PDB file of N, CA and C in Angstrom:
ATOM      1  N   MET A   1     153.151 -22.174  -4.086  1.00  0.00           N
ATOM      2  CA  MET A   1     152.796 -23.568  -4.230  1.00  0.00           C
ATOM      3  C   MET A   1     151.451 -23.794  -3.536  1.00  0.00           C
ATOM      4  N   PRO A   2     150.500 -24.482  -4.166  1.00  0.00           N
ATOM      5  CA  PRO A   2     149.185 -24.684  -3.554  1.00  0.00           C
ATOM      6  C   PRO A   2     149.264 -25.631  -2.369  1.00  0.00           C
ATOM      7  N   GLN A   3     148.441 -25.362  -1.367  1.00  0.00           N
ATOM      8  CA  GLN A   3     148.358 -26.229  -0.202  1.00  0.00           C
ATOM      9  C   GLN A   3     147.358 -27.348  -0.497  1.00  0.00           C
ATOM     10  N   LEU A   4     147.806 -28.581  -0.371  1.00  0.00           N
ATOM     11  CA  LEU A   4     146.961 -29.730  -0.648  1.00  0.00           C
ATOM     12  C   LEU A   4     146.606 -30.437   0.645  1.00  0.00           C
ATOM     13  N   SER A   5     145.403 -30.956   0.698  1.00  0.00           N
ATOM     14  CA  SER A   5     145.062 -31.815   1.821  1.00  0.00           C
ATOM     15  C   SER A   5     145.829 -33.124   1.629  1.00  0.00           C
ATOM     16  N   PRO A   6     146.120 -33.824   2.697  1.00  0.00           N
ATOM     17  CA  PRO A   6     146.921 -35.056   2.551  1.00  0.00           C
ATOM     18  C   PRO A   6     146.116 -36.166   1.892  1.00  0.00           C
ATOM     19  N   ASP A   7     146.009 -36.105   0.587  1.00  0.00           N
ATOM     20  CA  ASP A   7     145.263 -37.110  -0.167  1.00  0.00           C
ATOM     21  C   ASP A   7     146.173 -38.287  -0.478  1.00  0.00           C
ATOM     22  N   HIS A   8     145.908 -39.376   0.196  1.00  0.00           N
ATOM     23  CA  HIS A   8     146.667 -40.597  -0.027  1.00  0.00           C
ATOM     24  C   HIS A   8     145.732 -41.769   0.249  1.00  0.00           C
ATOM     25  N   VAL A   9     145.649 -42.697  -0.684  1.00  0.00           N
ATOM     26  CA  VAL A   9     144.770 -43.852  -0.542  1.00  0.00           C
ATOM     27  C   VAL A   9     145.574 -45.098  -0.863  1.00  0.00           C
ATOM     28  N   HIS A  10     145.455 -46.107  -0.005  1.00  0.00           N
ATOM     29  CA  HIS A  10     146.090 -47.403  -0.246  1.00  0.00           C
ATOM     30  C   HIS A  10     144.961 -48.437  -0.280  1.00  0.00           C
ATOM     31  N   LEU A  11     144.733 -48.995  -1.466  1.00  0.00           N
ATOM     32  CA  LEU A  11     143.652 -49.966  -1.663  1.00  0.00           C
ATOM     33  C   LEU A  11     144.231 -51.338  -1.982  1.00  0.00           C
ATOM     34  N   ARG A  12     143.499 -52.376  -1.583  1.00  0.00           N
ATOM     35  CA  ARG A  12     143.898 -53.747  -1.893  1.00  0.00           C
ATOM     36  C   ARG A  12     142.696 -54.542  -2.384  1.00  0.00           C
ATOM     37  N   ARG A  13     142.998 -55.533  -3.211  1.00  0.00           N
ATOM     38  CA  ARG A  13     141.970 -56.477  -3.671  1.00  0.00           C
ATOM     39  C   ARG A  13     142.562 -57.871  -3.546  1.00  0.00           C
ATOM     40  N   VAL A  14     141.980 -58.664  -2.664  1.00  0.00           N
ATOM     41  CA  VAL A  14     142.462 -60.023  -2.424  1.00  0.00           C
ATOM     42  C   VAL A  14     141.320 -60.985  -2.680  1.00  0.00           C
ATOM     43  N   ASP A  15     141.533 -61.902  -3.615  1.00  0.00           N
ATOM     44  CA  ASP A  15     140.565 -62.953  -3.923  1.00  0.00           C
ATOM     45  C   ASP A  15     141.341 -64.255  -4.049  1.00  0.00           C
ATOM     46  N   THR A  16     141.304 -65.072  -3.000  1.00  0.00           N
ATOM     47  CA  THR A  16     142.109 -66.291  -2.979  1.00  0.00           C
ATOM     48  C   THR A  16     141.625 -67.339  -3.980  1.00  0.00           C
ATOM     49  N   THR A  17     140.356 -67.297  -4.353  1.00  0.00           N
ATOM     50  CA  THR A  17     139.863 -68.279  -5.320  1.00  0.00           C
ATOM     51  C   THR A  17     140.458 -68.059  -6.706  1.00  0.00           C
ATOM     52  N   CYS A  18     140.808 -66.828  -7.021  1.00  0.00           N
ATOM     53  CA  CYS A  18     141.404 -66.500  -8.324  1.00  0.00           C
ATOM     54  C   CYS A  18     142.902 -66.251  -8.228  1.00  0.00           C
ATOM     55  N   ASN A  19     143.497 -66.484  -7.041  1.00  0.00           N
ATOM     56  CA  ASN A  19     144.913 -66.203  -6.811  1.00  0.00           C
ATOM     57  C   ASN A  19     145.232 -64.743  -7.136  1.00  0.00           C
ATOM     58  N   MET A  20     144.358 -63.842  -6.689  1.00  0.00           N
ATOM     59  CA  MET A  20     144.510 -62.420  -6.971  1.00  0.00           C
ATOM     60  C   MET A  20     144.862 -61.678  -5.686  1.00  0.00           C
ATOM     61  N   ARG A  21     146.005 -61.001  -5.673  1.00  0.00           N
ATOM     62  CA  ARG A  21     146.442 -60.176  -4.552  1.00  0.00           C
ATOM     63  C   ARG A  21     147.048 -58.910  -5.137  1.00  0.00           C
ATOM     64  N   ARG A  22     146.235 -57.869  -5.264  1.00  0.00           N
ATOM     65  CA  ARG A  22     146.676 -56.634  -5.916  1.00  0.00           C
ATOM     66  C   ARG A  22     146.578 -55.453  -4.969  1.00  0.00           C
ATOM     67  N   PHE A  23     147.363 -54.422  -5.264  1.00  0.00           N
ATOM     68  CA  PHE A  23     147.298 -53.181  -4.509  1.00  0.00           C
ATOM     69  C   PHE A  23     147.274 -52.006  -5.465  1.00  0.00           C
ATOM     70  N   CYS A  24     146.804 -50.881  -4.963  1.00  0.00           N
ATOM     71  CA  CYS A  24     146.802 -49.631  -5.724  1.00  0.00           C
ATOM     72  C   CYS A  24     146.966 -48.497  -4.721  1.00  0.00           C
ATOM     73  N   GLN A  25     147.980 -47.675  -4.916  1.00  0.00           N
ATOM     74  CA  GLN A  25     148.208 -46.509  -4.071  1.00  0.00           C
ATOM     75  C   GLN A  25     148.045 -45.260  -4.924  1.00  0.00           C
ATOM     76  N   LEU A  26     147.289 -44.305  -4.410  1.00  0.00           N
ATOM     77  CA  LEU A  26     147.065 -43.040  -5.100  1.00  0.00           C
ATOM     78  C   LEU A  26     147.449 -41.909  -4.161  1.00  0.00           C
ATOM     79  N   SER A  27     148.114 -40.886  -4.704  1.00  0.00           N
ATOM     80  CA  SER A  27     148.423 -39.719  -3.890  1.00  0.00           C
ATOM     81  C   SER A  27     148.525 -38.480  -4.774  1.00  0.00           C
ATOM     82  N   LEU A  28     148.256 -37.334  -4.161  1.00  0.00           N
ATOM     83  CA  LEU A  28     148.415 -36.038  -4.819  1.00  0.00           C
ATOM     84  C   LEU A  28     149.608 -35.339  -4.190  1.00  0.00           C
ATOM     85  N   GLN A  29     150.490 -34.818  -5.046  1.00  0.00           N
ATOM     86  CA  GLN A  29     151.691 -34.153  -4.565  1.00  0.00           C
ATOM     87  C   GLN A  29     151.920 -32.881  -5.357  1.00  0.00           C
ATOM     88  N   PRO A  30     152.416 -31.827  -4.708  1.00  0.00           N
ATOM     89  CA  PRO A  30     152.712 -30.596  -5.446  1.00  0.00           C
ATOM     90  C   PRO A  30     153.945 -30.787  -6.335  1.00  0.00           C
ATOM     91  N   THR A  31     153.958 -30.085  -7.465  1.00  0.00           N
ATOM     92  CA  THR A  31     155.113 -30.121  -8.358  1.00  0.00           C
ATOM     93  C   THR A  31     155.963 -28.883  -8.125  1.00  0.00           C
ATOM     94  N   LEU A  32     157.135 -28.858  -8.701  1.00  0.00           N
ATOM     95  CA  LEU A  32     158.039 -27.722  -8.537  1.00  0.00           C
ATOM     96  C   LEU A  32     157.554 -26.466  -9.239  1.00  0.00           C
ATOM     97  N   PHE A  33     156.671 -26.611 -10.198  1.00  0.00           N
ATOM     98  CA  PHE A  33     156.240 -25.474 -11.010  1.00  0.00           C
ATOM     99  C   PHE A  33     154.841 -24.997 -10.663  1.00  0.00           C
ATOM    100  N   GLY A  34     154.338 -25.340  -9.485  1.00  0.00           N
ATOM    101  CA  GLY A  34     153.047 -24.839  -9.038  1.00  0.00           C
ATOM    102  C   GLY A  34     151.858 -25.691  -9.408  1.00  0.00           C
ATOM    103  N   GLY A  35     152.064 -26.782 -10.053  1.00  0.00           N
ATOM    104  CA  GLY A  35     150.970 -27.676 -10.417  1.00  0.00           C
ATOM    105  C   GLY A  35     150.799 -28.766  -9.379  1.00  0.00           C
ATOM    106  N   VAL A  36     150.041 -29.772  -9.757  1.00  0.00           N
ATOM    107  CA  VAL A  36     149.778 -30.907  -8.880  1.00  0.00           C
ATOM    108  C   VAL A  36     149.993 -32.179  -9.677  1.00  0.00           C
ATOM    109  N   ALA A  37     150.625 -33.157  -9.048  1.00  0.00           N
ATOM    110  CA  ALA A  37     150.849 -34.457  -9.686  1.00  0.00           C
ATOM    111  C   ALA A  37     150.055 -35.531  -8.967  1.00  0.00           C
ATOM    112  N   MET A  38     149.379 -36.368  -9.742  1.00  0.00           N
ATOM    113  CA  MET A  38     148.719 -37.541  -9.183  1.00  0.00           C
ATOM    114  C   MET A  38     149.654 -38.725  -9.420  1.00  0.00           C
ATOM    115  N   VAL A  39     150.121 -39.321  -8.335  1.00  0.00           N
ATOM    116  CA  VAL A  39     151.046 -40.445  -8.408  1.00  0.00           C
ATOM    117  C   VAL A  39     150.254 -41.716  -8.140  1.00  0.00           C
ATOM    118  N   ARG A  40     150.354 -42.642  -9.059  1.00  0.00           N
ATOM    119  CA  ARG A  40     149.618 -43.907  -8.975  1.00  0.00           C
ATOM    120  C   ARG A  40     150.623 -45.048  -9.002  1.00  0.00           C
ATOM    121  N   ASN A  41     150.544 -45.933  -8.011  1.00  0.00           N
ATOM    122  CA  ASN A  41     151.416 -47.098  -7.941  1.00  0.00           C
ATOM    123  C   ASN A  41     150.522 -48.320  -7.802  1.00  0.00           C
ATOM    124  N   TRP A  42     150.703 -49.331  -8.640  1.00  0.00           N
ATOM    125  CA  TRP A  42     149.844 -50.501  -8.609  1.00  0.00           C
ATOM    126  C   TRP A  42     150.632 -51.745  -8.988  1.00  0.00           C
ATOM    127  N   GLY A  43     150.095 -52.895  -8.578  1.00  0.00           N
ATOM    128  CA  GLY A  43     150.724 -54.160  -8.926  1.00  0.00           C
ATOM    129  C   GLY A  43     150.295 -55.266  -7.993  1.00  0.00           C
ATOM    130  N   ARG A  44     151.043 -56.349  -8.019  1.00  0.00           N
ATOM    131  CA  ARG A  44     150.768 -57.499  -7.163  1.00  0.00           C
ATOM    132  C   ARG A  44     151.383 -57.242  -5.790  1.00  0.00           C
ATOM    133  N   ILE A  45     150.641 -57.604  -4.738  1.00  0.00           N
ATOM    134  CA  ILE A  45     151.139 -57.413  -3.376  1.00  0.00           C
ATOM    135  C   ILE A  45     152.427 -58.206  -3.213  1.00  0.00           C
ATOM    136  N   GLY A  46     153.440 -57.578  -2.655  1.00  0.00           N
ATOM    137  CA  GLY A  46     154.748 -58.196  -2.473  1.00  0.00           C
ATOM    138  C   GLY A  46     155.766 -57.743  -3.492  1.00  0.00           C
ATOM    139  N   THR A  47     155.318 -56.996  -4.517  1.00  0.00           N
ATOM    140  CA  THR A  47     156.231 -56.444  -5.513  1.00  0.00           C
ATOM    141  C   THR A  47     156.229 -54.922  -5.404  1.00  0.00           C
ATOM    142  N   SER A  48     157.160 -54.282  -6.082  1.00  0.00           N
ATOM    143  CA  SER A  48     157.174 -52.815  -6.076  1.00  0.00           C
ATOM    144  C   SER A  48     156.152 -52.244  -7.051  1.00  0.00           C
ATOM    145  N   GLY A  49     155.683 -53.042  -7.985  1.00  0.00           N
ATOM    146  CA  GLY A  49     154.641 -52.611  -8.907  1.00  0.00           C
ATOM    147  C   GLY A  49     155.121 -51.614  -9.941  1.00  0.00           C
ATOM    148  N   GLN A  50     154.165 -50.960 -10.562  1.00  0.00           N
ATOM    149  CA  GLN A  50     154.436 -49.952 -11.579  1.00  0.00           C
ATOM    150  C   GLN A  50     153.993 -48.588 -11.055  1.00  0.00           C
ATOM    151  N   THR A  51     154.588 -47.542 -11.591  1.00  0.00           N
ATOM    152  CA  THR A  51     154.248 -46.190 -11.162  1.00  0.00           C
ATOM    153  C   THR A  51     153.935 -45.321 -12.364  1.00  0.00           C
ATOM    154  N   MET A  52     152.890 -44.517 -12.233  1.00  0.00           N
ATOM    155  CA  MET A  52     152.518 -43.560 -13.268  1.00  0.00           C
ATOM    156  C   MET A  52     152.300 -42.207 -12.596  1.00  0.00           C
ATOM    157  N   ILE A  53     152.834 -41.161 -13.194  1.00  0.00           N
ATOM    158  CA  ILE A  53     152.659 -39.810 -12.663  1.00  0.00           C
ATOM    159  C   ILE A  53     151.968 -38.974 -13.727  1.00  0.00           C
ATOM    160  N   LYS A  54     150.860 -38.351 -13.351  1.00  0.00           N
ATOM    161  CA  LYS A  54     150.117 -37.485 -14.259  1.00  0.00           C
ATOM    162  C   LYS A  54     150.052 -36.104 -13.629  1.00  0.00           C
ATOM    163  N   THR A  55     150.434 -35.082 -14.387  1.00  0.00           N
ATOM    164  CA  THR A  55     150.476 -33.723 -13.834  1.00  0.00           C
ATOM    165  C   THR A  55     149.260 -32.923 -14.289  1.00  0.00           C
ATOM    166  N   PHE A  56     148.856 -31.993 -13.427  1.00  0.00           N
ATOM    167  CA  PHE A  56     147.717 -31.112 -13.676  1.00  0.00           C
ATOM    168  C   PHE A  56     148.125 -29.687 -13.344  1.00  0.00           C
ATOM    169  N   ASP A  57     147.479 -28.722 -14.013  1.00  0.00           N
ATOM    170  CA  ASP A  57     147.789 -27.313 -13.770  1.00  0.00           C
ATOM    171  C   ASP A  57     147.183 -26.792 -12.478  1.00  0.00           C
ATOM    172  N   ASP A  58     146.050 -27.350 -12.063  1.00  0.00           N
ATOM    173  CA  ASP A  58     145.430 -26.874 -10.822  1.00  0.00           C
ATOM    174  C   ASP A  58     144.965 -28.054  -9.976  1.00  0.00           C
ATOM    175  N   SER A  59     144.766 -27.790  -8.696  1.00  0.00           N
ATOM    176  CA  SER A  59     144.414 -28.857  -7.768  1.00  0.00           C
ATOM    177  C   SER A  59     142.984 -29.350  -7.967  1.00  0.00           C
ATOM    178  N   ALA A  60     142.099 -28.531  -8.526  1.00  0.00           N
ATOM    179  CA  ALA A  60     140.716 -28.962  -8.742  1.00  0.00           C
ATOM    180  C   ALA A  60     140.652 -30.114  -9.740  1.00  0.00           C
ATOM    181  N   ARG A  61     141.348 -29.982 -10.841  1.00  0.00           N
ATOM    182  CA  ARG A  61     141.336 -31.063 -11.853  1.00  0.00           C
ATOM    183  C   ARG A  61     142.040 -32.311 -11.333  1.00  0.00           C
ATOM    184  N   ALA A  62     143.104 -32.109 -10.583  1.00  0.00           N
ATOM    185  CA  ALA A  62     143.808 -33.252 -10.007  1.00  0.00           C
ATOM    186  C   ALA A  62     142.904 -33.988  -9.021  1.00  0.00           C
ATOM    187  N   GLY A  63     142.162 -33.240  -8.217  1.00  0.00           N
ATOM    188  CA  GLY A  63     141.240 -33.845  -7.257  1.00  0.00           C
ATOM    189  C   GLY A  63     140.134 -34.616  -7.940  1.00  0.00           C
ATOM    190  N   GLU A  64     139.625 -34.083  -9.047  1.00  0.00           N
ATOM    191  CA  GLU A  64     138.583 -34.784  -9.798  1.00  0.00           C
ATOM    192  C   GLU A  64     139.107 -36.103 -10.358  1.00  0.00           C
ATOM    193  N   ALA A  65     140.312 -36.089 -10.924  1.00  0.00           N
ATOM    194  CA  ALA A  65     140.904 -37.310 -11.478  1.00  0.00           C
ATOM    195  C   ALA A  65     141.177 -38.328 -10.374  1.00  0.00           C
ATOM    196  N   PHE A  66     141.649 -37.848  -9.238  1.00  0.00           N
ATOM    197  CA  PHE A  66     141.911 -38.703  -8.083  1.00  0.00           C
ATOM    198  C   PHE A  66     140.629 -39.388  -7.623  1.00  0.00           C
ATOM    199  N   ASP A  67     139.566 -38.611  -7.446  1.00  0.00           N
ATOM    200  CA  ASP A  67     138.279 -39.155  -6.997  1.00  0.00           C
ATOM    201  C   ASP A  67     137.703 -40.144  -8.001  1.00  0.00           C
ATOM    202  N   ARG A  68     137.805 -39.817  -9.286  1.00  0.00           N
ATOM    203  CA  ARG A  68     137.276 -40.690 -10.333  1.00  0.00           C
ATOM    204  C   ARG A  68     138.002 -42.044 -10.329  1.00  0.00           C
ATOM    205  N   LEU A  69     139.328 -42.016 -10.219  1.00  0.00           N
ATOM    206  CA  LEU A  69     140.096 -43.262 -10.217  1.00  0.00           C
ATOM    207  C   LEU A  69     139.837 -44.069  -8.949  1.00  0.00           C
ATOM    208  N   GLU A  70     139.699 -43.400  -7.807  1.00  0.00           N
ATOM    209  CA  GLU A  70     139.393 -44.110  -6.564  1.00  0.00           C
ATOM    210  C   GLU A  70     138.018 -44.789  -6.637  1.00  0.00           C
ATOM    211  N   ARG A  71     137.025 -44.087  -7.166  1.00  0.00           N
ATOM    212  CA  ARG A  71     135.687 -44.682  -7.319  1.00  0.00           C
ATOM    213  C   ARG A  71     135.726 -45.903  -8.236  1.00  0.00           C
ATOM    214  N   THR A  72     136.481 -45.808  -9.322  1.00  0.00           N
ATOM    215  CA  THR A  72     136.591 -46.928 -10.263  1.00  0.00           C
ATOM    216  C   THR A  72     137.197 -48.146  -9.585  1.00  0.00           C
ATOM    217  N   LYS A  73     138.258 -47.936  -8.829  1.00  0.00           N
ATOM    218  CA  LYS A  73     138.911 -49.052  -8.146  1.00  0.00           C
ATOM    219  C   LYS A  73     137.989 -49.682  -7.106  1.00  0.00           C
ATOM    220  N   ARG A  74     137.262 -48.858  -6.358  1.00  0.00           N
ATOM    221  CA  ARG A  74     136.354 -49.387  -5.338  1.00  0.00           C
ATOM    222  C   ARG A  74     135.214 -50.184  -5.981  1.00  0.00           C
ATOM    223  N   ARG A  75     134.726 -49.737  -7.144  1.00  0.00           N
ATOM    224  CA  ARG A  75     133.687 -50.493  -7.853  1.00  0.00           C
ATOM    225  C   ARG A  75     134.187 -51.855  -8.299  1.00  0.00           C
ATOM    226  N   ARG A  76     135.487 -51.946  -8.571  1.00  0.00           N
ATOM    227  CA  ARG A  76     136.068 -53.212  -9.024  1.00  0.00           C
ATOM    228  C   ARG A  76     136.448 -54.137  -7.876  1.00  0.00           C
ATOM    229  N   GLY A  77     136.134 -53.748  -6.647  1.00  0.00           N
ATOM    230  CA  GLY A  77     136.356 -54.645  -5.525  1.00  0.00           C
ATOM    231  C   GLY A  77     137.525 -54.292  -4.633  1.00  0.00           C
ATOM    232  N   TYR A  78     138.211 -53.191  -4.878  1.00  0.00           N
ATOM    233  CA  TYR A  78     139.312 -52.773  -4.019  1.00  0.00           C
ATOM    234  C   TYR A  78     138.745 -52.144  -2.750  1.00  0.00           C
ATOM    235  N   ALA A  79     139.419 -52.386  -1.621  1.00  0.00           N
ATOM    236  CA  ALA A  79     139.006 -51.840  -0.336  1.00  0.00           C
ATOM    237  C   ALA A  79     140.242 -51.262   0.342  1.00  0.00           C
ATOM    238  N   PRO A  80     140.054 -50.357   1.308  1.00  0.00           N
ATOM    239  CA  PRO A  80     141.222 -49.819   2.035  1.00  0.00           C
ATOM    240  C   PRO A  80     142.050 -50.956   2.627  1.00  0.00           C
ATOM    241  N   ALA A  81     143.355 -50.774   2.668  1.00  0.00           N
ATOM    242  CA  ALA A  81     144.282 -51.844   3.071  1.00  0.00           C
ATOM    243  C   ALA A  81     143.979 -52.369   4.477  1.00  0.00           C
ATOM    244  N   ALA A  82     143.548 -51.535   5.393  1.00  0.00           N
ATOM    245  CA  ALA A  82     143.283 -51.984   6.759  1.00  0.00           C
ATOM    246  C   ALA A  82     142.077 -52.932   6.806  1.00  0.00           C
ATOM    247  N   GLU A  83     141.102 -52.735   5.928  1.00  0.00           N
ATOM    248  CA  GLU A  83     139.893 -53.571   5.909  1.00  0.00           C
ATOM    249  C   GLU A  83     140.089 -54.897   5.207  1.00  0.00           C
ATOM    250  N   SER A  84     141.031 -54.974   4.270  1.00  0.00           N
ATOM    251  CA  SER A  84     141.150 -56.171   3.430  1.00  0.00           C
ATOM    252  C   SER A  84     142.107 -57.215   3.972  1.00  0.00           C
ATOM    253  N   ARG A  85     142.664 -57.013   5.156  1.00  0.00           N
ATOM    254  CA  ARG A  85     143.627 -57.984   5.697  1.00  0.00           C
ATOM    255  C   ARG A  85     142.972 -59.185   6.243  1.00  0.00           C
TER     256      ARG A  85
END
């Protein structure tokens, strides 16, 4: 099983003028068959939200997808949960 760095990101976007309170959690986890899964959980703060799991054969591709999605969220105004409180 490949050794992964602890990749976990919890982002929030709060805009009170638009009544917007959203979160997005991203993490990379090893699968039982030697691959890597990118687990994405998103929704309105205070709910359990929705979850999507996407599997990859190697950690390099999973890392690229993780970084790409994190950059997209940050461009849209999401910030780490500790900063957005």
